[in-house]
Amino acid sequence: MPGDRRSGAAEYASHVNAAAALLDAGAPAAEAARALAGQLGCSERQARRYLARAAESGRVAVPDDGTVFTVRLPVRLAAAVREHARTSGRTISSVAVQALEEFLHRAHGDRPAR
């Protein structure tokens, strides 16, 4: 049965973007839901959820694939990162990604970090 598994973040973003493309083309909601369900192999109910998200926020960025990257940090720095993540309502990973991207951007001038 369709819907037996959850999509990952990149797949979800691409589904929302496919829904946004249908909305941008002016497809009526019911027709767009049927077309999207057929295109994605999901239920019309799920397709309507993608359409609702696309209508609410438009296209969404497709996240990069992630990998586990283990580093050893001083205890005080790890504690500070955890505390900053907690108080800002973010994940430790998102804090680390932002910090490393900013560091690499500064270290390499105006070149993108990627």
PDB file of N, CA and C in Angstrom:
ATOM      1  N   MET A   1       0.843  -1.181   0.000  1.00  0.00           N
ATOM      2  CA  MET A   1       0.000   0.000   0.000  1.00  0.00           C
ATOM      3  C   MET A   1       0.885   1.241   0.000  1.00  0.00           C
ATOM      4  N   PRO A   2       0.571   2.245  -0.832  1.00  0.00           N
ATOM      5  CA  PRO A   2       1.360   3.470  -0.810  1.00  0.00           C
ATOM      6  C   PRO A   2       1.296   4.102   0.577  1.00  0.00           C
ATOM      7  N   GLY A   3       2.372   4.764   0.960  1.00  0.00           N
ATOM      8  CA  GLY A   3       2.393   5.432   2.254  1.00  0.00           C
ATOM      9  C   GLY A   3       2.904   4.563   3.382  1.00  0.00           C
ATOM     10  N   ASP A   4       3.416   3.369   3.068  1.00  0.00           N
ATOM     11  CA  ASP A   4       3.922   2.494   4.113  1.00  0.00           C
ATOM     12  C   ASP A   4       5.284   2.929   4.634  1.00  0.00           C
ATOM     13  N   ARG A   5       5.900   3.915   4.002  1.00  0.00           N
ATOM     14  CA  ARG A   5       7.187   4.399   4.475  1.00  0.00           C
ATOM     15  C   ARG A   5       7.195   5.919   4.417  1.00  0.00           C
ATOM     16  N   ARG A   6       8.015   6.504   5.237  1.00  0.00           N
ATOM     17  CA  ARG A   6       8.134   7.961   5.265  1.00  0.00           C
ATOM     18  C   ARG A   6       9.239   8.380   4.314  1.00  0.00           C
ATOM     19  N   SER A   7       9.054   9.531   3.685  1.00  0.00           N
ATOM     20  CA  SER A   7      10.101  10.027   2.807  1.00  0.00           C
ATOM     21  C   SER A   7      11.140  10.773   3.628  1.00  0.00           C
ATOM     22  N   GLY A   8      12.369  10.758   3.143  1.00  0.00           N
ATOM     23  CA  GLY A   8      13.434  11.521   3.782  1.00  0.00           C
ATOM     24  C   GLY A   8      13.280  12.997   3.446  1.00  0.00           C
ATOM     25  N   ALA A   9      14.106  13.822   4.038  1.00  0.00           N
ATOM     26  CA  ALA A   9      13.996  15.266   3.860  1.00  0.00           C
ATOM     27  C   ALA A   9      14.167  15.691   2.405  1.00  0.00           C
ATOM     28  N   ALA A  10      15.122  15.104   1.704  1.00  0.00           N
ATOM     29  CA  ALA A  10      15.350  15.473   0.308  1.00  0.00           C
ATOM     30  C   ALA A  10      14.175  15.034  -0.561  1.00  0.00           C
ATOM     31  N   GLU A  11      13.664  13.838  -0.315  1.00  0.00           N
ATOM     32  CA  GLU A  11      12.529  13.346  -1.084  1.00  0.00           C
ATOM     33  C   GLU A  11      11.283  14.189  -0.798  1.00  0.00           C
ATOM     34  N   TYR A  12      11.055  14.533   0.462  1.00  0.00           N
ATOM     35  CA  TYR A  12       9.922  15.377   0.832  1.00  0.00           C
ATOM     36  C   TYR A  12      10.011  16.722   0.111  1.00  0.00           C
ATOM     37  N   ALA A  13      11.195  17.326   0.126  1.00  0.00           N
ATOM     38  CA  ALA A  13      11.380  18.616  -0.535  1.00  0.00           C
ATOM     39  C   ALA A  13      11.105  18.511  -2.030  1.00  0.00           C
ATOM     40  N   SER A  14      11.561  17.440  -2.661  1.00  0.00           N
ATOM     41  CA  SER A  14      11.308  17.306  -4.097  1.00  0.00           C
ATOM     42  C   SER A  14       9.826  17.088  -4.371  1.00  0.00           C
ATOM     43  N   HIS A  15       9.115  16.415  -3.465  1.00  0.00           N
ATOM     44  CA  HIS A  15       7.671  16.233  -3.637  1.00  0.00           C
ATOM     45  C   HIS A  15       6.928  17.558  -3.483  1.00  0.00           C
ATOM     46  N   VAL A  16       7.327  18.357  -2.501  1.00  0.00           N
ATOM     47  CA  VAL A  16       6.716  19.675  -2.323  1.00  0.00           C
ATOM     48  C   VAL A  16       7.001  20.545  -3.550  1.00  0.00           C
ATOM     49  N   ASN A  17       8.215  20.459  -4.070  1.00  0.00           N
ATOM     50  CA  ASN A  17       8.562  21.254  -5.249  1.00  0.00           C
ATOM     51  C   ASN A  17       7.792  20.804  -6.482  1.00  0.00           C
ATOM     52  N   ALA A  18       7.525  19.496  -6.603  1.00  0.00           N
ATOM     53  CA  ALA A  18       6.694  19.008  -7.715  1.00  0.00           C
ATOM     54  C   ALA A  18       5.281  19.551  -7.565  1.00  0.00           C
ATOM     55  N   ALA A  19       4.782  19.603  -6.344  1.00  0.00           N
ATOM     56  CA  ALA A  19       3.459  20.171  -6.092  1.00  0.00           C
ATOM     57  C   ALA A  19       3.446  21.653  -6.434  1.00  0.00           C
ATOM     58  N   ALA A  20       4.501  22.363  -6.070  1.00  0.00           N
ATOM     59  CA  ALA A  20       4.592  23.797  -6.373  1.00  0.00           C
ATOM     60  C   ALA A  20       4.589  24.040  -7.879  1.00  0.00           C
ATOM     61  N   ALA A  21       5.251  23.163  -8.625  1.00  0.00           N
ATOM     62  CA  ALA A  21       5.277  23.304 -10.080  1.00  0.00           C
ATOM     63  C   ALA A  21       3.869  23.163 -10.660  1.00  0.00           C
ATOM     64  N   LEU A  22       3.097  22.222 -10.137  1.00  0.00           N
ATOM     65  CA  LEU A  22       1.715  22.064 -10.607  1.00  0.00           C
ATOM     66  C   LEU A  22       0.886  23.295 -10.271  1.00  0.00           C
ATOM     67  N   LEU A  23       1.061  23.817  -9.065  1.00  0.00           N
ATOM     68  CA  LEU A  23       0.324  25.021  -8.679  1.00  0.00           C
ATOM     69  C   LEU A  23       0.738  26.221  -9.524  1.00  0.00           C
ATOM     70  N   ASP A  24       2.040  26.329  -9.795  1.00  0.00           N
ATOM     71  CA  ASP A  24       2.546  27.429 -10.630  1.00  0.00           C
ATOM     72  C   ASP A  24       1.985  27.354 -12.045  1.00  0.00           C
ATOM     73  N   ALA A  25       1.724  26.134 -12.505  1.00  0.00           N
ATOM     74  CA  ALA A  25       1.176  25.946 -13.856  1.00  0.00           C
ATOM     75  C   ALA A  25      -0.318  26.238 -13.889  1.00  0.00           C
ATOM     76  N   GLY A  26      -0.909  26.488 -12.726  1.00  0.00           N
ATOM     77  CA  GLY A  26      -2.318  26.844 -12.676  1.00  0.00           C
ATOM     78  C   GLY A  26      -3.275  25.668 -12.620  1.00  0.00           C
ATOM     79  N   ALA A  27      -2.784  24.491 -12.288  1.00  0.00           N
ATOM     80  CA  ALA A  27      -3.648  23.308 -12.212  1.00  0.00           C
ATOM     81  C   ALA A  27      -4.627  23.468 -11.048  1.00  0.00           C
ATOM     82  N   PRO A  28      -5.904  23.150 -11.266  1.00  0.00           N
ATOM     83  CA  PRO A  28      -6.861  23.168 -10.158  1.00  0.00           C
ATOM     84  C   PRO A  28      -6.443  22.148  -9.093  1.00  0.00           C
ATOM     85  N   ALA A  29      -6.792  22.415  -7.841  1.00  0.00           N
ATOM     86  CA  ALA A  29      -6.322  21.611  -6.721  1.00  0.00           C
ATOM     87  C   ALA A  29      -6.648  20.125  -6.867  1.00  0.00           C
ATOM     88  N   ALA A  30      -7.883  19.791  -7.219  1.00  0.00           N
ATOM     89  CA  ALA A  30      -8.276  18.377  -7.324  1.00  0.00           C
ATOM     90  C   ALA A  30      -7.501  17.687  -8.439  1.00  0.00           C
ATOM     91  N   GLU A  31      -7.364  18.372  -9.564  1.00  0.00           N
ATOM     92  CA  GLU A  31      -6.614  17.806 -10.692  1.00  0.00           C
ATOM     93  C   GLU A  31      -5.132  17.662 -10.340  1.00  0.00           C
ATOM     94  N   ALA A  32      -4.596  18.664  -9.642  1.00  0.00           N
ATOM     95  CA  ALA A  32      -3.191  18.623  -9.240  1.00  0.00           C
ATOM     96  C   ALA A  32      -2.948  17.461  -8.276  1.00  0.00           C
ATOM     97  N   ALA A  33      -3.878  17.223  -7.359  1.00  0.00           N
ATOM     98  CA  ALA A  33      -3.722  16.122  -6.405  1.00  0.00           C
ATOM     99  C   ALA A  33      -3.709  14.781  -7.122  1.00  0.00           C
ATOM    100  N   ARG A  34      -4.598  14.602  -8.079  1.00  0.00           N
ATOM    101  CA  ARG A  34      -4.624  13.338  -8.842  1.00  0.00           C
ATOM    102  C   ARG A  34      -3.334  13.161  -9.639  1.00  0.00           C
ATOM    103  N   ALA A  35      -2.910  14.222 -10.311  1.00  0.00           N
ATOM    104  CA  ALA A  35      -1.698  14.146 -11.126  1.00  0.00           C
ATOM    105  C   ALA A  35      -0.466  13.873 -10.253  1.00  0.00           C
ATOM    106  N   LEU A  36      -0.386  14.566  -9.125  1.00  0.00           N
ATOM    107  CA  LEU A  36       0.760  14.387  -8.239  1.00  0.00           C
ATOM    108  C   LEU A  36       0.783  12.987  -7.644  1.00  0.00           C
ATOM    109  N   ALA A  37      -0.373  12.477  -7.250  1.00  0.00           N
ATOM    110  CA  ALA A  37      -0.449  11.121  -6.701  1.00  0.00           C
ATOM    111  C   ALA A  37       0.036  10.108  -7.723  1.00  0.00           C
ATOM    112  N   GLY A  38      -0.367  10.278  -8.973  1.00  0.00           N
ATOM    113  CA  GLY A  38       0.081   9.373 -10.022  1.00  0.00           C
ATOM    114  C   GLY A  38       1.566   9.494 -10.286  1.00  0.00           C
ATOM    115  N   GLN A  39       2.046  10.712 -10.298  1.00  0.00           N
ATOM    116  CA  GLN A  39       3.467  10.973 -10.572  1.00  0.00           C
ATOM    117  C   GLN A  39       4.358  10.425  -9.466  1.00  0.00           C
ATOM    118  N   LEU A  40       3.940  10.585  -8.211  1.00  0.00           N
ATOM    119  CA  LEU A  40       4.774  10.198  -7.074  1.00  0.00           C
ATOM    120  C   LEU A  40       4.488   8.799  -6.552  1.00  0.00           C
ATOM    121  N   GLY A  41       3.379   8.222  -6.961  1.00  0.00           N
ATOM    122  CA  GLY A  41       3.003   6.911  -6.454  1.00  0.00           C
ATOM    123  C   GLY A  41       2.552   6.970  -5.008  1.00  0.00           C
ATOM    124  N   CYS A  42       1.883   8.057  -4.641  1.00  0.00           N
ATOM    125  CA  CYS A  42       1.380   8.209  -3.279  1.00  0.00           C
ATOM    126  C   CYS A  42      -0.141   8.344  -3.329  1.00  0.00           C
ATOM    127  N   SER A  43      -0.765   8.405  -2.182  1.00  0.00           N
ATOM    128  CA  SER A  43      -2.216   8.573  -2.138  1.00  0.00           C
ATOM    129  C   SER A  43      -2.585  10.015  -2.484  1.00  0.00           C
ATOM    130  N   GLU A  44      -3.830  10.210  -2.912  1.00  0.00           N
ATOM    131  CA  GLU A  44      -4.286  11.578  -3.184  1.00  0.00           C
ATOM    132  C   GLU A  44      -4.287  12.398  -1.899  1.00  0.00           C
ATOM    133  N   ARG A  45      -4.555  11.758  -0.774  1.00  0.00           N
ATOM    134  CA  ARG A  45      -4.526  12.469   0.498  1.00  0.00           C
ATOM    135  C   ARG A  45      -3.133  13.026   0.768  1.00  0.00           C
ATOM    136  N   GLN A  46      -2.100  12.198   0.558  1.00  0.00           N
ATOM    137  CA  GLN A  46      -0.731  12.670   0.755  1.00  0.00           C
ATOM    138  C   GLN A  46      -0.389  13.740  -0.272  1.00  0.00           C
ATOM    139  N   ALA A  47      -0.845  13.560  -1.496  1.00  0.00           N
ATOM    140  CA  ALA A  47      -0.593  14.566  -2.531  1.00  0.00           C
ATOM    141  C   ALA A  47      -1.200  15.907  -2.126  1.00  0.00           C
ATOM    142  N   ARG A  48      -2.396  15.875  -1.519  1.00  0.00           N
ATOM    143  CA  ARG A  48      -3.013  17.121  -1.057  1.00  0.00           C
ATOM    144  C   ARG A  48      -2.165  17.768   0.050  1.00  0.00           C
ATOM    145  N   ARG A  49      -1.523  16.954   0.885  1.00  0.00           N
ATOM    146  CA  ARG A  49      -0.633  17.509   1.918  1.00  0.00           C
ATOM    147  C   ARG A  49       0.555  18.221   1.276  1.00  0.00           C
ATOM    148  N   TYR A  50       1.135  17.592   0.257  1.00  0.00           N
ATOM    149  CA  TYR A  50       2.246  18.245  -0.454  1.00  0.00           C
ATOM    150  C   TYR A  50       1.776  19.552  -1.092  1.00  0.00           C
ATOM    151  N   LEU A  51       0.599  19.532  -1.678  1.00  0.00           N
ATOM    152  CA  LEU A  51       0.054  20.734  -2.315  1.00  0.00           C
ATOM    153  C   LEU A  51      -0.203  21.834  -1.283  1.00  0.00           C
ATOM    154  N   ALA A  52      -0.709  21.447  -0.115  1.00  0.00           N
ATOM    155  CA  ALA A  52      -0.965  22.436   0.932  1.00  0.00           C
ATOM    156  C   ALA A  52       0.344  23.075   1.388  1.00  0.00           C
ATOM    157  N   ARG A  53       1.380  22.270   1.552  1.00  0.00           N
ATOM    158  CA  ARG A  53       2.688  22.813   1.965  1.00  0.00           C
ATOM    159  C   ARG A  53       3.241  23.733   0.892  1.00  0.00           C
ATOM    160  N   ALA A  54       3.087  23.336  -0.368  1.00  0.00           N
ATOM    161  CA  ALA A  54       3.581  24.164  -1.472  1.00  0.00           C
ATOM    162  C   ALA A  54       2.807  25.477  -1.547  1.00  0.00           C
ATOM    163  N   ALA A  55       1.506  25.424  -1.317  1.00  0.00           N
ATOM    164  CA  ALA A  55       0.696  26.636  -1.354  1.00  0.00           C
ATOM    165  C   ALA A  55       1.071  27.574  -0.208  1.00  0.00           C
ATOM    166  N   GLU A  56       1.428  26.987   0.921  1.00  0.00           N
ATOM    167  CA  GLU A  56       1.783  27.757   2.119  1.00  0.00           C
ATOM    168  C   GLU A  56       3.147  28.419   2.001  1.00  0.00           C
ATOM    169  N   SER A  57       4.140  27.663   1.532  1.00  0.00           N
ATOM    170  CA  SER A  57       5.506  28.190   1.557  1.00  0.00           C
ATOM    171  C   SER A  57       6.218  28.192   0.215  1.00  0.00           C
ATOM    172  N   GLY A  58       5.560  27.749  -0.841  1.00  0.00           N
ATOM    173  CA  GLY A  58       6.220  27.713  -2.145  1.00  0.00           C
ATOM    174  C   GLY A  58       7.258  26.616  -2.212  1.00  0.00           C
ATOM    175  N   ARG A  59       8.198  26.798  -3.100  1.00  0.00           N
ATOM    176  CA  ARG A  59       9.262  25.798  -3.260  1.00  0.00           C
ATOM    177  C   ARG A  59      10.151  25.797  -2.030  1.00  0.00           C
ATOM    178  N   VAL A  60      10.704  24.628  -1.726  1.00  0.00           N
ATOM    179  CA  VAL A  60      11.590  24.495  -0.566  1.00  0.00           C
ATOM    180  C   VAL A  60      12.955  24.012  -1.040  1.00  0.00           C
ATOM    181  N   ALA A  61      13.978  24.353  -0.284  1.00  0.00           N
ATOM    182  CA  ALA A  61      15.338  23.930  -0.623  1.00  0.00           C
ATOM    183  C   ALA A  61      15.484  22.436  -0.384  1.00  0.00           C
ATOM    184  N   VAL A  62      16.129  21.766  -1.319  1.00  0.00           N
ATOM    185  CA  VAL A  62      16.408  20.338  -1.168  1.00  0.00           C
ATOM    186  C   VAL A  62      17.706  20.225  -0.370  1.00  0.00           C
ATOM    187  N   PRO A  63      17.648  19.612   0.826  1.00  0.00           N
ATOM    188  CA  PRO A  63      18.849  19.553   1.660  1.00  0.00           C
ATOM    189  C   PRO A  63      19.923  18.655   1.060  1.00  0.00           C
ATOM    190  N   ASP A  64      21.162  18.989   1.382  1.00  0.00           N
ATOM    191  CA  ASP A  64      22.292  18.147   0.969  1.00  0.00           C
ATOM    192  C   ASP A  64      22.239  16.827   1.730  1.00  0.00           C
ATOM    193  N   ASP A  65      22.790  15.799   1.120  1.00  0.00           N
ATOM    194  CA  ASP A  65      22.935  14.536   1.832  1.00  0.00           C
ATOM    195  C   ASP A  65      23.882  14.760   3.010  1.00  0.00           C
ATOM    196  N   GLY A  66      23.639  14.060   4.089  1.00  0.00           N
ATOM    197  CA  GLY A  66      24.481  14.201   5.272  1.00  0.00           C
ATOM    198  C   GLY A  66      25.349  12.975   5.464  1.00  0.00           C
ATOM    199  N   THR A  67      26.361  13.148   6.286  1.00  0.00           N
ATOM    200  CA  THR A  67      27.225  12.043   6.652  1.00  0.00           C
ATOM    201  C   THR A  67      27.628  12.237   8.109  1.00  0.00           C
ATOM    202  N   VAL A  68      27.960  11.169   8.762  1.00  0.00           N
ATOM    203  CA  VAL A  68      28.437  11.258  10.134  1.00  0.00           C
ATOM    204  C   VAL A  68      29.916  11.643  10.092  1.00  0.00           C
ATOM    205  N   PHE A  69      30.257  12.634  10.891  1.00  0.00           N
ATOM    206  CA  PHE A  69      31.630  13.156  10.929  1.00  0.00           C
ATOM    207  C   PHE A  69      31.970  13.350  12.400  1.00  0.00           C
ATOM    208  N   THR A  70      32.771  12.461  12.937  1.00  0.00           N
ATOM    209  CA  THR A  70      33.062  12.465  14.368  1.00  0.00           C
ATOM    210  C   THR A  70      34.316  13.272  14.652  1.00  0.00           C
ATOM    211  N   VAL A  71      34.220  14.157  15.616  1.00  0.00           N
ATOM    212  CA  VAL A  71      35.387  14.942  16.044  1.00  0.00           C
ATOM    213  C   VAL A  71      35.483  14.895  17.568  1.00  0.00           C
ATOM    214  N   ARG A  72      36.686  15.083  18.064  1.00  0.00           N
ATOM    215  CA  ARG A  72      36.895  15.129  19.512  1.00  0.00           C
ATOM    216  C   ARG A  72      37.028  16.607  19.886  1.00  0.00           C
ATOM    217  N   LEU A  73      36.176  17.053  20.825  1.00  0.00           N
ATOM    218  CA  LEU A  73      36.176  18.450  21.270  1.00  0.00           C
ATOM    219  C   LEU A  73      36.507  18.516  22.752  1.00  0.00           C
ATOM    220  N   PRO A  74      37.066  19.640  23.173  1.00  0.00           N
ATOM    221  CA  PRO A  74      37.220  19.844  24.612  1.00  0.00           C
ATOM    222  C   PRO A  74      35.832  19.822  25.270  1.00  0.00           C
ATOM    223  N   VAL A  75      35.753  19.311  26.487  1.00  0.00           N
ATOM    224  CA  VAL A  75      34.475  19.173  27.186  1.00  0.00           C
ATOM    225  C   VAL A  75      33.750  20.508  27.261  1.00  0.00           C
ATOM    226  N   ARG A  76      34.458  21.593  27.577  1.00  0.00           N
ATOM    227  CA  ARG A  76      33.815  22.898  27.720  1.00  0.00           C
ATOM    228  C   ARG A  76      33.205  23.369  26.400  1.00  0.00           C
ATOM    229  N   LEU A  77      33.870  23.081  25.265  1.00  0.00           N
ATOM    230  CA  LEU A  77      33.338  23.489  23.965  1.00  0.00           C
ATOM    231  C   LEU A  77      32.111  22.661  23.606  1.00  0.00           C
ATOM    232  N   ALA A  78      32.162  21.370  23.833  1.00  0.00           N
ATOM    233  CA  ALA A  78      31.000  20.514  23.555  1.00  0.00           C
ATOM    234  C   ALA A  78      29.809  20.952  24.398  1.00  0.00           C
ATOM    235  N   ALA A  79      30.054  21.287  25.664  1.00  0.00           N
ATOM    236  CA  ALA A  79      28.972  21.746  26.540  1.00  0.00           C
ATOM    237  C   ALA A  79      28.394  23.066  26.035  1.00  0.00           C
ATOM    238  N   ALA A  80      29.249  23.964  25.579  1.00  0.00           N
ATOM    239  CA  ALA A  80      28.786  25.254  25.068  1.00  0.00           C
ATOM    240  C   ALA A  80      27.953  25.075  23.800  1.00  0.00           C
ATOM    241  N   VAL A  81      28.371  24.176  22.931  1.00  0.00           N
ATOM    242  CA  VAL A  81      27.615  23.910  21.702  1.00  0.00           C
ATOM    243  C   VAL A  81      26.250  23.322  22.049  1.00  0.00           C
ATOM    244  N   ARG A  82      26.227  22.352  22.951  1.00  0.00           N
ATOM    245  CA  ARG A  82      24.952  21.754  23.373  1.00  0.00           C
ATOM    246  C   ARG A  82      24.018  22.811  23.958  1.00  0.00           C
ATOM    247  N   GLU A  83      24.547  23.661  24.817  1.00  0.00           N
ATOM    248  CA  GLU A  83      23.737  24.697  25.456  1.00  0.00           C
ATOM    249  C   GLU A  83      23.214  25.689  24.425  1.00  0.00           C
ATOM    250  N   HIS A  84      24.074  26.102  23.506  1.00  0.00           N
ATOM    251  CA  HIS A  84      23.632  27.038  22.460  1.00  0.00           C
ATOM    252  C   HIS A  84      22.528  26.407  21.609  1.00  0.00           C
ATOM    253  N   ALA A  85      22.702  25.151  21.242  1.00  0.00           N
ATOM    254  CA  ALA A  85      21.685  24.459  20.449  1.00  0.00           C
ATOM    255  C   ALA A  85      20.369  24.394  21.219  1.00  0.00           C
ATOM    256  N   ARG A  86      20.440  24.042  22.500  1.00  0.00           N
ATOM    257  CA  ARG A  86      19.229  23.918  23.311  1.00  0.00           C
ATOM    258  C   ARG A  86      18.504  25.254  23.440  1.00  0.00           C
ATOM    259  N   THR A  87      19.242  26.314  23.770  1.00  0.00           N
ATOM    260  CA  THR A  87      18.595  27.611  23.994  1.00  0.00           C
ATOM    261  C   THR A  87      18.088  28.240  22.707  1.00  0.00           C
ATOM    262  N   SER A  88      18.691  27.876  21.582  1.00  0.00           N
ATOM    263  CA  SER A  88      18.239  28.439  20.306  1.00  0.00           C
ATOM    264  C   SER A  88      17.199  27.562  19.613  1.00  0.00           C
ATOM    265  N   GLY A  89      16.888  26.404  20.230  1.00  0.00           N
ATOM    266  CA  GLY A  89      15.881  25.516  19.640  1.00  0.00           C
ATOM    267  C   GLY A  89      16.362  24.831  18.375  1.00  0.00           C
ATOM    268  N   ARG A  90      17.650  24.641  18.272  1.00  0.00           N
ATOM    269  CA  ARG A  90      18.236  24.012  17.082  1.00  0.00           C
ATOM    270  C   ARG A  90      18.886  22.705  17.472  1.00  0.00           C
ATOM    271  N   THR A  91      19.311  21.957  16.453  1.00  0.00           N
ATOM    272  CA  THR A  91      20.056  20.728  16.708  1.00  0.00           C
ATOM    273  C   THR A  91      21.541  21.060  16.811  1.00  0.00           C
ATOM    274  N   ILE A  92      22.282  20.176  17.474  1.00  0.00           N
ATOM    275  CA  ILE A  92      23.732  20.341  17.550  1.00  0.00           C
ATOM    276  C   ILE A  92      24.316  20.326  16.141  1.00  0.00           C
ATOM    277  N   SER A  93      23.791  19.458  15.293  1.00  0.00           N
ATOM    278  CA  SER A  93      24.300  19.376  13.912  1.00  0.00           C
ATOM    279  C   SER A  93      24.116  20.691  13.175  1.00  0.00           C
ATOM    280  N   SER A  94      22.954  21.323  13.312  1.00  0.00           N
ATOM    281  CA  SER A  94      22.725  22.571  12.572  1.00  0.00           C
ATOM    282  C   SER A  94      23.642  23.679  13.077  1.00  0.00           C
ATOM    283  N   VAL A  95      23.909  23.699  14.375  1.00  0.00           N
ATOM    284  CA  VAL A  95      24.842  24.685  14.926  1.00  0.00           C
ATOM    285  C   VAL A  95      26.246  24.436  14.374  1.00  0.00           C
ATOM    286  N   ALA A  96      26.672  23.183  14.369  1.00  0.00           N
ATOM    287  CA  ALA A  96      28.007  22.844  13.869  1.00  0.00           C
ATOM    288  C   ALA A  96      28.134  23.153  12.380  1.00  0.00           C
ATOM    289  N   VAL A  97      27.112  22.831  11.605  1.00  0.00           N
ATOM    290  CA  VAL A  97      27.149  23.114  10.162  1.00  0.00           C
ATOM    291  C   VAL A  97      27.304  24.611   9.923  1.00  0.00           C
ATOM    292  N   GLN A  98      26.488  25.412  10.611  1.00  0.00           N
ATOM    293  CA  GLN A  98      26.570  26.862  10.430  1.00  0.00           C
ATOM    294  C   GLN A  98      27.950  27.384  10.817  1.00  0.00           C
ATOM    295  N   ALA A  99      28.468  26.933  11.955  1.00  0.00           N
ATOM    296  CA  ALA A  99      29.775  27.409  12.420  1.00  0.00           C
ATOM    297  C   ALA A  99      30.882  27.036  11.432  1.00  0.00           C
ATOM    298  N   LEU A 100      30.856  25.799  10.960  1.00  0.00           N
ATOM    299  CA  LEU A 100      31.904  25.360  10.024  1.00  0.00           C
ATOM    300  C   LEU A 100      31.788  26.066   8.677  1.00  0.00           C
ATOM    301  N   GLU A 101      30.561  26.256   8.187  1.00  0.00           N
ATOM    302  CA  GLU A 101      30.401  26.971   6.913  1.00  0.00           C
ATOM    303  C   GLU A 101      30.889  28.410   7.030  1.00  0.00           C
ATOM    304  N   GLU A 102      30.564  29.076   8.144  1.00  0.00           N
ATOM    305  CA  GLU A 102      31.039  30.448   8.347  1.00  0.00           C
ATOM    306  C   GLU A 102      32.558  30.491   8.461  1.00  0.00           C
ATOM    307  N   PHE A 103      33.144  29.553   9.170  1.00  0.00           N
ATOM    308  CA  PHE A 103      34.602  29.493   9.314  1.00  0.00           C
ATOM    309  C   PHE A 103      35.261  29.301   7.947  1.00  0.00           C
ATOM    310  N   LEU A 104      34.775  28.334   7.181  1.00  0.00           N
ATOM    311  CA  LEU A 104      35.375  28.060   5.870  1.00  0.00           C
ATOM    312  C   LEU A 104      35.184  29.233   4.919  1.00  0.00           C
ATOM    313  N   HIS A 105      34.051  29.887   5.004  1.00  0.00           N
ATOM    314  CA  HIS A 105      33.814  31.053   4.149  1.00  0.00           C
ATOM    315  C   HIS A 105      34.830  32.156   4.468  1.00  0.00           C
ATOM    316  N   ARG A 106      35.043  32.420   5.766  1.00  0.00           N
ATOM    317  CA  ARG A 106      36.029  33.438   6.163  1.00  0.00           C
ATOM    318  C   ARG A 106      37.443  33.018   5.783  1.00  0.00           C
ATOM    319  N   ALA A 107      37.759  31.732   5.961  1.00  0.00           N
ATOM    320  CA  ALA A 107      39.114  31.252   5.679  1.00  0.00           C
ATOM    321  C   ALA A 107      39.445  31.306   4.187  1.00  0.00           C
ATOM    322  N   HIS A 108      38.431  31.189   3.350  1.00  0.00           N
ATOM    323  CA  HIS A 108      38.657  31.164   1.903  1.00  0.00           C
ATOM    324  C   HIS A 108      38.159  32.418   1.213  1.00  0.00           C
ATOM    325  N   GLY A 109      37.947  33.474   1.930  1.00  0.00           N
ATOM    326  CA  GLY A 109      37.469  34.714   1.320  1.00  0.00           C
ATOM    327  C   GLY A 109      36.036  34.571   0.884  1.00  0.00           C
ATOM    328  N   ASP A 110      35.736  35.031  -0.296  1.00  0.00           N
ATOM    329  CA  ASP A 110      34.357  35.022  -0.790  1.00  0.00           C
ATOM    330  C   ASP A 110      33.960  33.731  -1.497  1.00  0.00           C
ATOM    331  N   ARG A 111      34.873  32.778  -1.571  1.00  0.00           N
ATOM    332  CA  ARG A 111      34.527  31.513  -2.231  1.00  0.00           C
ATOM    333  C   ARG A 111      33.498  30.768  -1.394  1.00  0.00           C
ATOM    334  N   PRO A 112      32.533  30.114  -2.049  1.00  0.00           N
ATOM    335  CA  PRO A 112      31.568  29.320  -1.282  1.00  0.00           C
ATOM    336  C   PRO A 112      32.274  28.201  -0.511  1.00  0.00           C
ATOM    337  N   ALA A 113      31.689  27.802   0.617  1.00  0.00           N
ATOM    338  CA  ALA A 113      32.294  26.777   1.467  1.00  0.00           C
ATOM    339  C   ALA A 113      32.236  25.399   0.859  1.00  0.00           C
ATOM    340  N   ARG A 114      31.444  25.166  -0.172  1.00  0.00           N
ATOM    341  CA  ARG A 114      31.269  23.821  -0.727  1.00  0.00           C
ATOM    342  C   ARG A 114      32.166  23.553  -1.854  1.00  0.00           C
TER     343      ARG A 114
END
